[in-house]
Amino acid sequence: VQLQASGGGLVQAGGTLRLSCVVSGSTFSTYMSAWYRQSPGKERELVASIRGGGMTTYAESVKGRFTISRDIGKNTVYLQMNNLKLEDTAVYYCYHNRGWQYWGKGTQVTVSS
């Protein structure tokens, strides 16, 4: 299983970004995928997850601003991030769990004032 994340970058506060993660080598729609993030000096935290049945969960800090979704045909999970805040600055990691845990390389998101 390989995860390839993309879409990070520099954006002003209030702006939007969409992260993408292509999951290869797994029956994508059956298992859970998620986005985590880690800021300097902080532990990695769960941002949003989507389970095999499509149920989604979000960290309280991003509810109403971020949306996780997936395109099963493209084996891709997305994180739409709206109204970005300075505190959203972090390295974002794609995650997939099919019994074993898999992580993609992080993609940097930097929100400037």
PDB file of N, CA and C in Angstrom:
ATOM      1  N   VAL A   1       0.857  -1.190   0.000  1.00  0.00           N
ATOM      2  CA  VAL A   1       0.000   0.000   0.000  1.00  0.00           C
ATOM      3  C   VAL A   1       0.889   1.234   0.000  1.00  0.00           C
ATOM      4  N   GLN A   2       0.561   2.142  -0.876  1.00  0.00           N
ATOM      5  CA  GLN A   2       1.301   3.407  -0.939  1.00  0.00           C
ATOM      6  C   GLN A   2       0.321   4.567  -0.929  1.00  0.00           C
ATOM      7  N   LEU A   3       0.715   5.625  -0.242  1.00  0.00           N
ATOM      8  CA  LEU A   3      -0.099   6.829  -0.153  1.00  0.00           C
ATOM      9  C   LEU A   3       0.707   7.992  -0.692  1.00  0.00           C
ATOM     10  N   GLN A   4       0.138   8.723  -1.608  1.00  0.00           N
ATOM     11  CA  GLN A   4       0.812   9.870  -2.219  1.00  0.00           C
ATOM     12  C   GLN A   4      -0.046  11.105  -2.009  1.00  0.00           C
ATOM     13  N   ALA A   5       0.410  11.969  -1.126  1.00  0.00           N
ATOM     14  CA  ALA A   5      -0.331  13.183  -0.797  1.00  0.00           C
ATOM     15  C   ALA A   5       0.191  14.376  -1.576  1.00  0.00           C
ATOM     16  N   SER A   6      -0.692  15.302  -1.846  1.00  0.00           N
ATOM     17  CA  SER A   6      -0.306  16.531  -2.533  1.00  0.00           C
ATOM     18  C   SER A   6      -1.292  17.634  -2.187  1.00  0.00           C
ATOM     19  N   GLY A   7      -0.940  18.854  -2.575  1.00  0.00           N
ATOM     20  CA  GLY A   7      -1.878  19.949  -2.436  1.00  0.00           C
ATOM     21  C   GLY A   7      -1.547  20.976  -1.371  1.00  0.00           C
ATOM     22  N   GLY A   8      -0.510  20.741  -0.599  1.00  0.00           N
ATOM     23  CA  GLY A   8      -0.150  21.721   0.411  1.00  0.00           C
ATOM     24  C   GLY A   8       0.407  22.992  -0.211  1.00  0.00           C
ATOM     25  N   GLY A   9       0.621  23.989   0.620  1.00  0.00           N
ATOM     26  CA  GLY A   9       1.177  25.232   0.117  1.00  0.00           C
ATOM     27  C   GLY A   9       1.029  26.358   1.110  1.00  0.00           C
ATOM     28  N   LEU A  10       1.264  27.555   0.609  1.00  0.00           N
ATOM     29  CA  LEU A  10       1.161  28.766   1.416  1.00  0.00           C
ATOM     30  C   LEU A  10      -0.120  29.493   1.047  1.00  0.00           C
ATOM     31  N   VAL A  11      -0.887  29.858   2.047  1.00  0.00           N
ATOM     32  CA  VAL A  11      -2.158  30.529   1.802  1.00  0.00           C
ATOM     33  C   VAL A  11      -2.392  31.553   2.902  1.00  0.00           C
ATOM     34  N   GLN A  12      -3.097  32.616   2.564  1.00  0.00           N
ATOM     35  CA  GLN A  12      -3.421  33.616   3.579  1.00  0.00           C
ATOM     36  C   GLN A  12      -4.576  33.144   4.452  1.00  0.00           C
ATOM     37  N   ALA A  13      -4.615  33.660   5.641  1.00  0.00           N
ATOM     38  CA  ALA A  13      -5.718  33.345   6.544  1.00  0.00           C
ATOM     39  C   ALA A  13      -7.039  33.674   5.859  1.00  0.00           C
ATOM     40  N   GLY A  14      -7.986  32.769   6.022  1.00  0.00           N
ATOM     41  CA  GLY A  14      -9.276  32.909   5.361  1.00  0.00           C
ATOM     42  C   GLY A  14      -9.341  32.234   4.009  1.00  0.00           C
ATOM     43  N   GLY A  15      -8.205  31.786   3.515  1.00  0.00           N
ATOM     44  CA  GLY A  15      -8.145  31.150   2.213  1.00  0.00           C
ATOM     45  C   GLY A  15      -8.504  29.683   2.239  1.00  0.00           C
ATOM     46  N   THR A  16      -8.363  29.045   1.086  1.00  0.00           N
ATOM     47  CA  THR A  16      -8.719  27.637   0.951  1.00  0.00           C
ATOM     48  C   THR A  16      -7.577  26.853   0.309  1.00  0.00           C
ATOM     49  N   LEU A  17      -7.537  25.580   0.650  1.00  0.00           N
ATOM     50  CA  LEU A  17      -6.646  24.612   0.018  1.00  0.00           C
ATOM     51  C   LEU A  17      -7.372  23.284  -0.039  1.00  0.00           C
ATOM     52  N   ARG A  18      -7.001  22.465  -1.000  1.00  0.00           N
ATOM     53  CA  ARG A  18      -7.508  21.104  -1.037  1.00  0.00           C
ATOM     54  C   ARG A  18      -6.339  20.139  -1.122  1.00  0.00           C
ATOM     55  N   LEU A  19      -6.281  19.249  -0.172  1.00  0.00           N
ATOM     56  CA  LEU A  19      -5.270  18.204  -0.167  1.00  0.00           C
ATOM     57  C   LEU A  19      -5.840  16.954  -0.826  1.00  0.00           C
ATOM     58  N   SER A  20      -4.975  16.243  -1.507  1.00  0.00           N
ATOM     59  CA  SER A  20      -5.366  14.988  -2.149  1.00  0.00           C
ATOM     60  C   SER A  20      -4.411  13.891  -1.723  1.00  0.00           C
ATOM     61  N   CYS A  21      -4.922  12.679  -1.647  1.00  0.00           N
ATOM     62  CA  CYS A  21      -4.092  11.528  -1.302  1.00  0.00           C
ATOM     63  C   CYS A  21      -4.545  10.340  -2.141  1.00  0.00           C
ATOM     64  N   VAL A  22      -3.671   9.889  -3.001  1.00  0.00           N
ATOM     65  CA  VAL A  22      -3.957   8.702  -3.802  1.00  0.00           C
ATOM     66  C   VAL A  22      -3.495   7.469  -3.035  1.00  0.00           C
ATOM     67  N   VAL A  23      -4.410   6.535  -2.828  1.00  0.00           N
ATOM     68  CA  VAL A  23      -4.115   5.300  -2.100  1.00  0.00           C
ATOM     69  C   VAL A  23      -4.045   4.164  -3.099  1.00  0.00           C
ATOM     70  N   SER A  24      -2.891   3.573  -3.229  1.00  0.00           N
ATOM     71  CA  SER A  24      -2.729   2.471  -4.172  1.00  0.00           C
ATOM     72  C   SER A  24      -2.409   1.186  -3.412  1.00  0.00           C
ATOM     73  N   GLY A  25      -2.876   0.067  -3.962  1.00  0.00           N
ATOM     74  CA  GLY A  25      -2.587  -1.234  -3.365  1.00  0.00           C
ATOM     75  C   GLY A  25      -3.555  -1.661  -2.294  1.00  0.00           C
ATOM     76  N   SER A  26      -4.705  -0.993  -2.189  1.00  0.00           N
ATOM     77  CA  SER A  26      -5.691  -1.349  -1.170  1.00  0.00           C
ATOM     78  C   SER A  26      -7.082  -1.241  -1.759  1.00  0.00           C
ATOM     79  N   THR A  27      -8.005  -2.051  -1.195  1.00  0.00           N
ATOM     80  CA  THR A  27      -9.414  -1.893  -1.564  1.00  0.00           C
ATOM     81  C   THR A  27      -9.907  -0.656  -0.829  1.00  0.00           C
ATOM     82  N   PHE A  28      -9.694   0.415  -1.461  1.00  0.00           N
ATOM     83  CA  PHE A  28      -9.793   1.740  -0.860  1.00  0.00           C
ATOM     84  C   PHE A  28     -11.102   1.967  -0.115  1.00  0.00           C
ATOM     85  N   SER A  29     -12.202   1.575  -0.699  1.00  0.00           N
ATOM     86  CA  SER A  29     -13.501   1.919  -0.143  1.00  0.00           C
ATOM     87  C   SER A  29     -13.870   1.086   1.088  1.00  0.00           C
ATOM     88  N   THR A  30     -13.127   0.037   1.353  1.00  0.00           N
ATOM     89  CA  THR A  30     -13.469  -0.855   2.455  1.00  0.00           C
ATOM     90  C   THR A  30     -12.924  -0.372   3.790  1.00  0.00           C
ATOM     91  N   TYR A  31     -11.846   0.342   3.735  1.00  0.00           N
ATOM     92  CA  TYR A  31     -11.112   0.672   4.954  1.00  0.00           C
ATOM     93  C   TYR A  31     -11.130   2.164   5.252  1.00  0.00           C
ATOM     94  N   MET A  32     -10.636   2.485   6.428  1.00  0.00           N
ATOM     95  CA  MET A  32     -10.638   3.865   6.888  1.00  0.00           C
ATOM     96  C   MET A  32      -9.448   4.642   6.338  1.00  0.00           C
ATOM     97  N   SER A  33      -9.707   5.848   5.928  1.00  0.00           N
ATOM     98  CA  SER A  33      -8.653   6.779   5.550  1.00  0.00           C
ATOM     99  C   SER A  33      -8.828   8.051   6.378  1.00  0.00           C
ATOM    100  N   ALA A  34      -7.751   8.767   6.539  1.00  0.00           N
ATOM    101  CA  ALA A  34      -7.824   9.946   7.395  1.00  0.00           C
ATOM    102  C   ALA A  34      -6.709  10.925   7.048  1.00  0.00           C
ATOM    103  N   TRP A  35      -6.852  12.104   7.595  1.00  0.00           N
ATOM    104  CA  TRP A  35      -5.814  13.127   7.556  1.00  0.00           C
ATOM    105  C   TRP A  35      -5.426  13.462   8.994  1.00  0.00           C
ATOM    106  N   TYR A  36      -4.135  13.477   9.228  1.00  0.00           N
ATOM    107  CA  TYR A  36      -3.569  13.927  10.490  1.00  0.00           C
ATOM    108  C   TYR A  36      -2.713  15.162  10.205  1.00  0.00           C
ATOM    109  N   ARG A  37      -2.367  15.869  11.255  1.00  0.00           N
ATOM    110  CA  ARG A  37      -1.445  16.983  11.100  1.00  0.00           C
ATOM    111  C   ARG A  37      -0.549  17.084  12.320  1.00  0.00           C
ATOM    112  N   GLN A  38       0.592  17.698  12.110  1.00  0.00           N
ATOM    113  CA  GLN A  38       1.543  17.889  13.200  1.00  0.00           C
ATOM    114  C   GLN A  38       2.225  19.234  13.042  1.00  0.00           C
ATOM    115  N   SER A  39       2.153  20.017  14.106  1.00  0.00           N
ATOM    116  CA  SER A  39       2.828  21.308  14.166  1.00  0.00           C
ATOM    117  C   SER A  39       4.095  21.149  14.987  1.00  0.00           C
ATOM    118  N   PRO A  40       5.068  22.028  14.792  1.00  0.00           N
ATOM    119  CA  PRO A  40       6.307  21.935  15.577  1.00  0.00           C
ATOM    120  C   PRO A  40       6.031  21.954  17.069  1.00  0.00           C
ATOM    121  N   GLY A  41       6.597  20.994  17.757  1.00  0.00           N
ATOM    122  CA  GLY A  41       6.443  20.937  19.204  1.00  0.00           C
ATOM    123  C   GLY A  41       5.150  20.325  19.684  1.00  0.00           C
ATOM    124  N   LYS A  42       4.320  19.896  18.759  1.00  0.00           N
ATOM    125  CA  LYS A  42       3.030  19.302  19.135  1.00  0.00           C
ATOM    126  C   LYS A  42       2.958  17.866  18.647  1.00  0.00           C
ATOM    127  N   GLU A  43       2.064  17.124  19.281  1.00  0.00           N
ATOM    128  CA  GLU A  43       1.850  15.751  18.849  1.00  0.00           C
ATOM    129  C   GLU A  43       1.001  15.730  17.574  1.00  0.00           C
ATOM    130  N   ARG A  44       1.166  14.661  16.843  1.00  0.00           N
ATOM    131  CA  ARG A  44       0.343  14.485  15.643  1.00  0.00           C
ATOM    132  C   ARG A  44      -1.112  14.300  16.084  1.00  0.00           C
ATOM    133  N   GLU A  45      -2.019  14.982  15.406  1.00  0.00           N
ATOM    134  CA  GLU A  45      -3.425  14.911  15.775  1.00  0.00           C
ATOM    135  C   GLU A  45      -4.282  14.543  14.574  1.00  0.00           C
ATOM    136  N   LEU A  46      -5.389  13.860  14.890  1.00  0.00           N
ATOM    137  CA  LEU A  46      -6.347  13.492  13.859  1.00  0.00           C
ATOM    138  C   LEU A  46      -7.140  14.729  13.459  1.00  0.00           C
ATOM    139  N   VAL A  47      -7.211  14.977  12.165  1.00  0.00           N
ATOM    140  CA  VAL A  47      -7.972  16.113  11.651  1.00  0.00           C
ATOM    141  C   VAL A  47      -9.353  15.648  11.188  1.00  0.00           C
ATOM    142  N   ALA A  48      -9.371  14.611  10.376  1.00  0.00           N
ATOM    143  CA  ALA A  48     -10.636  14.105   9.847  1.00  0.00           C
ATOM    144  C   ALA A  48     -10.437  12.670   9.377  1.00  0.00           C
ATOM    145  N   SER A  49     -11.501  11.893   9.452  1.00  0.00           N
ATOM    146  CA  SER A  49     -11.431  10.513   8.992  1.00  0.00           C
ATOM    147  C   SER A  49     -12.690  10.162   8.215  1.00  0.00           C
ATOM    148  N   ILE A  50     -12.558   9.176   7.353  1.00  0.00           N
ATOM    149  CA  ILE A  50     -13.711   8.657   6.620  1.00  0.00           C
ATOM    150  C   ILE A  50     -13.604   7.144   6.619  1.00  0.00           C
ATOM    151  N   ARG A  51     -14.651   6.486   7.092  1.00  0.00           N
ATOM    152  CA  ARG A  51     -14.629   5.037   7.230  1.00  0.00           C
ATOM    153  C   ARG A  51     -15.136   4.360   5.964  1.00  0.00           C
ATOM    154  N   GLY A  52     -15.018   3.045   5.950  1.00  0.00           N
ATOM    155  CA  GLY A  52     -15.409   2.298   4.765  1.00  0.00           C
ATOM    156  C   GLY A  52     -16.838   2.597   4.331  1.00  0.00           C
ATOM    157  N   GLY A  53     -17.731   2.724   5.306  1.00  0.00           N
ATOM    158  CA  GLY A  53     -19.130   3.000   4.984  1.00  0.00           C
ATOM    159  C   GLY A  53     -19.400   4.450   4.634  1.00  0.00           C
ATOM    160  N   GLY A  54     -18.384   5.276   4.746  1.00  0.00           N
ATOM    161  CA  GLY A  54     -18.535   6.688   4.392  1.00  0.00           C
ATOM    162  C   GLY A  54     -18.731   7.624   5.563  1.00  0.00           C
ATOM    163  N   MET A  55     -18.835   7.081   6.780  1.00  0.00           N
ATOM    164  CA  MET A  55     -19.023   7.946   7.936  1.00  0.00           C
ATOM    165  C   MET A  55     -17.770   8.774   8.163  1.00  0.00           C
ATOM    166  N   THR A  56     -17.988  10.037   8.477  1.00  0.00           N
ATOM    167  CA  THR A  56     -16.868  10.956   8.682  1.00  0.00           C
ATOM    168  C   THR A  56     -16.827  11.473  10.113  1.00  0.00           C
ATOM    169  N   THR A  57     -15.633  11.789  10.563  1.00  0.00           N
ATOM    170  CA  THR A  57     -15.443  12.429  11.859  1.00  0.00           C
ATOM    171  C   THR A  57     -14.443  13.564  11.689  1.00  0.00           C
ATOM    172  N   TYR A  58     -14.553  14.543  12.565  1.00  0.00           N
ATOM    173  CA  TYR A  58     -13.695  15.723  12.480  1.00  0.00           C
ATOM    174  C   TYR A  58     -13.219  16.138  13.862  1.00  0.00           C
ATOM    175  N   ALA A  59     -12.035  16.709  13.896  1.00  0.00           N
ATOM    176  CA  ALA A  59     -11.581  17.360  15.106  1.00  0.00           C
ATOM    177  C   ALA A  59     -12.449  18.585  15.346  1.00  0.00           C
ATOM    178  N   GLU A  60     -12.689  18.889  16.605  1.00  0.00           N
ATOM    179  CA  GLU A  60     -13.539  20.034  16.922  1.00  0.00           C
ATOM    180  C   GLU A  60     -13.009  21.321  16.298  1.00  0.00           C
ATOM    181  N   SER A  61     -11.705  21.440  16.227  1.00  0.00           N
ATOM    182  CA  SER A  61     -11.092  22.675  15.755  1.00  0.00           C
ATOM    183  C   SER A  61     -11.320  22.940  14.269  1.00  0.00           C
ATOM    184  N   VAL A  62     -11.729  21.912  13.530  1.00  0.00           N
ATOM    185  CA  VAL A  62     -11.905  22.097  12.083  1.00  0.00           C
ATOM    186  C   VAL A  62     -13.348  21.902  11.634  1.00  0.00           C
ATOM    187  N   LYS A  63     -14.220  21.527  12.545  1.00  0.00           N
ATOM    188  CA  LYS A  63     -15.619  21.305  12.177  1.00  0.00           C
ATOM    189  C   LYS A  63     -16.211  22.564  11.553  1.00  0.00           C
ATOM    190  N   GLY A  64     -16.912  22.365  10.448  1.00  0.00           N
ATOM    191  CA  GLY A  64     -17.538  23.483   9.764  1.00  0.00           C
ATOM    192  C   GLY A  64     -16.617  24.175   8.780  1.00  0.00           C
ATOM    193  N   ARG A  65     -15.323  23.846   8.826  1.00  0.00           N
ATOM    194  CA  ARG A  65     -14.361  24.476   7.900  1.00  0.00           C
ATOM    195  C   ARG A  65     -13.731  23.466   6.954  1.00  0.00           C
ATOM    196  N   PHE A  66     -13.495  22.264   7.441  1.00  0.00           N
ATOM    197  CA  PHE A  66     -12.834  21.235   6.644  1.00  0.00           C
ATOM    198  C   PHE A  66     -13.836  20.152   6.263  1.00  0.00           C
ATOM    199  N   THR A  67     -13.625  19.566   5.098  1.00  0.00           N
ATOM    200  CA  THR A  67     -14.472  18.468   4.647  1.00  0.00           C
ATOM    201  C   THR A  67     -13.594  17.369   4.068  1.00  0.00           C
ATOM    202  N   ILE A  68     -13.767  16.163   4.593  1.00  0.00           N
ATOM    203  CA  ILE A  68     -13.071  15.016   4.036  1.00  0.00           C
ATOM    204  C   ILE A  68     -14.013  14.282   3.094  1.00  0.00           C
ATOM    205  N   SER A  69     -13.478  13.845   1.982  1.00  0.00           N
ATOM    206  CA  SER A  69     -14.302  13.118   1.013  1.00  0.00           C
ATOM    207  C   SER A  69     -13.399  12.154   0.253  1.00  0.00           C
ATOM    208  N   ARG A  70     -14.013  11.331  -0.579  1.00  0.00           N
ATOM    209  CA  ARG A  70     -13.209  10.393  -1.346  1.00  0.00           C
ATOM    210  C   ARG A  70     -13.853  10.153  -2.707  1.00  0.00           C
ATOM    211  N   ASP A  71     -13.012   9.812  -3.645  1.00  0.00           N
ATOM    212  CA  ASP A  71     -13.451   9.398  -4.969  1.00  0.00           C
ATOM    213  C   ASP A  71     -12.992   7.954  -5.123  1.00  0.00           C
ATOM    214  N   ILE A  72     -13.928   7.031  -4.997  1.00  0.00           N
ATOM    215  CA  ILE A  72     -13.572   5.614  -5.007  1.00  0.00           C
ATOM    216  C   ILE A  72     -12.973   5.208  -6.341  1.00  0.00           C
ATOM    217  N   GLY A  73     -13.487   5.743  -7.422  1.00  0.00           N
ATOM    218  CA  GLY A  73     -12.973   5.404  -8.743  1.00  0.00           C
ATOM    219  C   GLY A  73     -11.530   5.826  -8.940  1.00  0.00           C
ATOM    220  N   LYS A  74     -11.140   6.888  -8.225  1.00  0.00           N
ATOM    221  CA  LYS A  74      -9.775   7.392  -8.341  1.00  0.00           C
ATOM    222  C   LYS A  74      -8.904   6.964  -7.169  1.00  0.00           C
ATOM    223  N   ASN A  75      -9.471   6.188  -6.246  1.00  0.00           N
ATOM    224  CA  ASN A  75      -8.725   5.781  -5.045  1.00  0.00           C
ATOM    225  C   ASN A  75      -8.086   6.988  -4.359  1.00  0.00           C
ATOM    226  N   THR A  76      -8.837   8.039  -4.252  1.00  0.00           N
ATOM    227  CA  THR A  76      -8.291   9.283  -3.729  1.00  0.00           C
ATOM    228  C   THR A  76      -9.166   9.813  -2.599  1.00  0.00           C
ATOM    229  N   VAL A  77      -8.518  10.248  -1.547  1.00  0.00           N
ATOM    230  CA  VAL A  77      -9.210  10.913  -0.445  1.00  0.00           C
ATOM    231  C   VAL A  77      -8.781  12.372  -0.445  1.00  0.00           C
ATOM    232  N   TYR A  78      -9.734  13.252  -0.171  1.00  0.00           N
ATOM    233  CA  TYR A  78      -9.484  14.678  -0.217  1.00  0.00           C
ATOM    234  C   TYR A  78      -9.728  15.316   1.144  1.00  0.00           C
ATOM    235  N   LEU A  79      -9.074  16.439   1.343  1.00  0.00           N
ATOM    236  CA  LEU A  79      -9.383  17.274   2.498  1.00  0.00           C
ATOM    237  C   LEU A  79      -9.546  18.694   1.979  1.00  0.00           C
ATOM    238  N   GLN A  80     -10.787  19.135   1.919  1.00  0.00           N
ATOM    239  CA  GLN A  80     -11.082  20.505   1.526  1.00  0.00           C
ATOM    240  C   GLN A  80     -10.999  21.381   2.767  1.00  0.00           C
ATOM    241  N   MET A  81     -10.138  22.372   2.724  1.00  0.00           N
ATOM    242  CA  MET A  81      -9.924  23.227   3.884  1.00  0.00           C
ATOM    243  C   MET A  81     -10.321  24.653   3.537  1.00  0.00           C
ATOM    244  N   ASN A  82     -11.346  25.132   4.191  1.00  0.00           N
ATOM    245  CA  ASN A  82     -11.850  26.486   3.968  1.00  0.00           C
ATOM    246  C   ASN A  82     -11.607  27.346   5.201  1.00  0.00           C
ATOM    247  N   ASN A  83     -11.619  28.637   4.992  1.00  0.00           N
ATOM    248  CA  ASN A  83     -11.458  29.575   6.095  1.00  0.00           C
ATOM    249  C   ASN A  83     -10.256  29.190   6.960  1.00  0.00           C
ATOM    250  N   LEU A  84      -9.136  29.024   6.324  1.00  0.00           N
ATOM    251  CA  LEU A  84      -7.948  28.573   7.040  1.00  0.00           C
ATOM    252  C   LEU A  84      -7.483  29.605   8.058  1.00  0.00           C
ATOM    253  N   LYS A  85      -7.001  29.105   9.180  1.00  0.00           N
ATOM    254  CA  LYS A  85      -6.522  29.939  10.271  1.00  0.00           C
ATOM    255  C   LYS A  85      -5.023  29.702  10.471  1.00  0.00           C
ATOM    256  N   LEU A  86      -4.405  30.659  11.145  1.00  0.00           N
ATOM    257  CA  LEU A  86      -2.979  30.543  11.404  1.00  0.00           C
ATOM    258  C   LEU A  86      -2.647  29.229  12.092  1.00  0.00           C
ATOM    259  N   GLU A  87      -3.538  28.814  12.997  1.00  0.00           N
ATOM    260  CA  GLU A  87      -3.267  27.600  13.767  1.00  0.00           C
ATOM    261  C   GLU A  87      -3.443  26.323  12.957  1.00  0.00           C
ATOM    262  N   ASP A  88      -3.875  26.442  11.719  1.00  0.00           N
ATOM    263  CA  ASP A  88      -3.942  25.262  10.843  1.00  0.00           C
ATOM    264  C   ASP A  88      -2.592  24.953  10.212  1.00  0.00           C
ATOM    265  N   THR A  89      -1.630  25.837  10.401  1.00  0.00           N
ATOM    266  CA  THR A  89      -0.297  25.599   9.870  1.00  0.00           C
ATOM    267  C   THR A  89       0.284  24.331  10.469  1.00  0.00           C
ATOM    268  N   ALA A  90       0.681  23.409   9.597  1.00  0.00           N
ATOM    269  CA  ALA A  90       1.188  22.117  10.049  1.00  0.00           C
ATOM    270  C   ALA A  90       1.616  21.305   8.838  1.00  0.00           C
ATOM    271  N   VAL A  91       2.259  20.199   9.123  1.00  0.00           N
ATOM    272  CA  VAL A  91       2.476  19.188   8.095  1.00  0.00           C
ATOM    273  C   VAL A  91       1.288  18.237   8.168  1.00  0.00           C
ATOM    274  N   TYR A  92       0.652  18.021   7.052  1.00  0.00           N
ATOM    275  CA  TYR A  92      -0.534  17.172   6.989  1.00  0.00           C
ATOM    276  C   TYR A  92      -0.150  15.817   6.394  1.00  0.00           C
ATOM    277  N   TYR A  93      -0.640  14.768   7.043  1.00  0.00           N
ATOM    278  CA  TYR A  93      -0.310  13.407   6.651  1.00  0.00           C
ATOM    279  C   TYR A  93      -1.575  12.640   6.284  1.00  0.00           C
ATOM    280  N   CYS A  94      -1.482  11.926   5.207  1.00  0.00           N
ATOM    281  CA  CYS A  94      -2.547  11.020   4.812  1.00  0.00           C
ATOM    282  C   CYS A  94      -2.333   9.690   5.528  1.00  0.00           C
ATOM    283  N   TYR A  95      -3.420   9.046   5.911  1.00  0.00           N
ATOM    284  CA  TYR A  95      -3.365   7.810   6.714  1.00  0.00           C
ATOM    285  C   TYR A  95      -4.398   6.830   6.173  1.00  0.00           C
ATOM    286  N   HIS A  96      -4.021   5.552   6.184  1.00  0.00           N
ATOM    287  CA  HIS A  96      -4.933   4.499   5.724  1.00  0.00           C
ATOM    288  C   HIS A  96      -4.766   3.294   6.632  1.00  0.00           C
ATOM    289  N   ASN A  97      -5.872   2.715   7.039  1.00  0.00           N
ATOM    290  CA  ASN A  97      -5.830   1.597   7.969  1.00  0.00           C
ATOM    291  C   ASN A  97      -6.642   0.432   7.425  1.00  0.00           C
ATOM    292  N   ARG A  98      -5.959  -0.634   7.103  1.00  0.00           N
ATOM    293  CA  ARG A  98      -6.619  -1.856   6.660  1.00  0.00           C
ATOM    294  C   ARG A  98      -6.141  -3.020   7.515  1.00  0.00           C
ATOM    295  N   GLY A  99      -6.061  -2.736   8.827  1.00  0.00           N
ATOM    296  CA  GLY A  99      -5.486  -3.699   9.750  1.00  0.00           C
ATOM    297  C   GLY A  99      -4.072  -3.261  10.049  1.00  0.00           C
ATOM    298  N   TRP A 100      -3.327  -3.050   9.023  1.00  0.00           N
ATOM    299  CA  TRP A 100      -2.026  -2.392   9.142  1.00  0.00           C
ATOM    300  C   TRP A 100      -2.233  -0.895   8.903  1.00  0.00           C
ATOM    301  N   GLN A 101      -1.357  -0.119   9.499  1.00  0.00           N
ATOM    302  CA  GLN A 101      -1.448   1.324   9.327  1.00  0.00           C
ATOM    303  C   GLN A 101      -0.432   1.792   8.292  1.00  0.00           C
ATOM    304  N   TYR A 102      -0.871   2.692   7.464  1.00  0.00           N
ATOM    305  CA  TYR A 102      -0.005   3.231   6.424  1.00  0.00           C
ATOM    306  C   TYR A 102      -0.056   4.751   6.459  1.00  0.00           C
ATOM    307  N   TRP A 103       1.095   5.352   6.257  1.00  0.00           N
ATOM    308  CA  TRP A 103       1.200   6.811   6.274  1.00  0.00           C
ATOM    309  C   TRP A 103       1.825   7.300   4.975  1.00  0.00           C
ATOM    310  N   GLY A 104       1.312   8.405   4.493  1.00  0.00           N
ATOM    311  CA  GLY A 104       1.950   9.063   3.378  1.00  0.00           C
ATOM    312  C   GLY A 104       2.987  10.056   3.876  1.00  0.00           C
ATOM    313  N   LYS A 105       3.798  10.518   2.970  1.00  0.00           N
ATOM    314  CA  LYS A 105       4.723  11.598   3.319  1.00  0.00           C
ATOM    315  C   LYS A 105       3.899  12.855   3.548  1.00  0.00           C
ATOM    316  N   GLY A 106       4.316  13.657   4.459  1.00  0.00           N
ATOM    317  CA  GLY A 106       3.559  14.848   4.785  1.00  0.00           C
ATOM    318  C   GLY A 106       3.616  15.907   3.712  1.00  0.00           C
ATOM    319  N   THR A 107       2.618  16.753   3.736  1.00  0.00           N
ATOM    320  CA  THR A 107       2.587  17.912   2.865  1.00  0.00           C
ATOM    321  C   THR A 107       2.397  19.151   3.731  1.00  0.00           C
ATOM    322  N   GLN A 108       3.225  20.145   3.518  1.00  0.00           N
ATOM    323  CA  GLN A 108       3.222  21.324   4.369  1.00  0.00           C
ATOM    324  C   GLN A 108       2.090  22.273   4.001  1.00  0.00           C
ATOM    325  N   VAL A 109       1.360  22.691   5.013  1.00  0.00           N
ATOM    326  CA  VAL A 109       0.352  23.742   4.855  1.00  0.00           C
ATOM    327  C   VAL A 109       0.769  24.898   5.755  1.00  0.00           C
ATOM    328  N   THR A 110       0.954  26.049   5.157  1.00  0.00           N
ATOM    329  CA  THR A 110       1.338  27.239   5.907  1.00  0.00           C
ATOM    330  C   THR A 110       0.307  28.328   5.679  1.00  0.00           C
ATOM    331  N   VAL A 111      -0.267  28.801   6.771  1.00  0.00           N
ATOM    332  CA  VAL A 111      -1.271  29.867   6.709  1.00  0.00           C
ATOM    333  C   VAL A 111      -0.634  31.139   7.247  1.00  0.00           C
ATOM    334  N   SER A 112      -0.645  32.175   6.436  1.00  0.00           N
ATOM    335  CA  SER A 112      -0.024  33.440   6.832  1.00  0.00           C
ATOM    336  C   SER A 112      -1.077  34.496   7.117  1.00  0.00           C
ATOM    337  N   SER A 113      -0.681  35.483   7.892  1.00  0.00           N
ATOM    338  CA  SER A 113      -1.630  36.556   8.244  1.00  0.00           C
ATOM    339  C   SER A 113      -1.646  37.646   7.180  1.00  0.00           C
TER     340      SER A 113
END
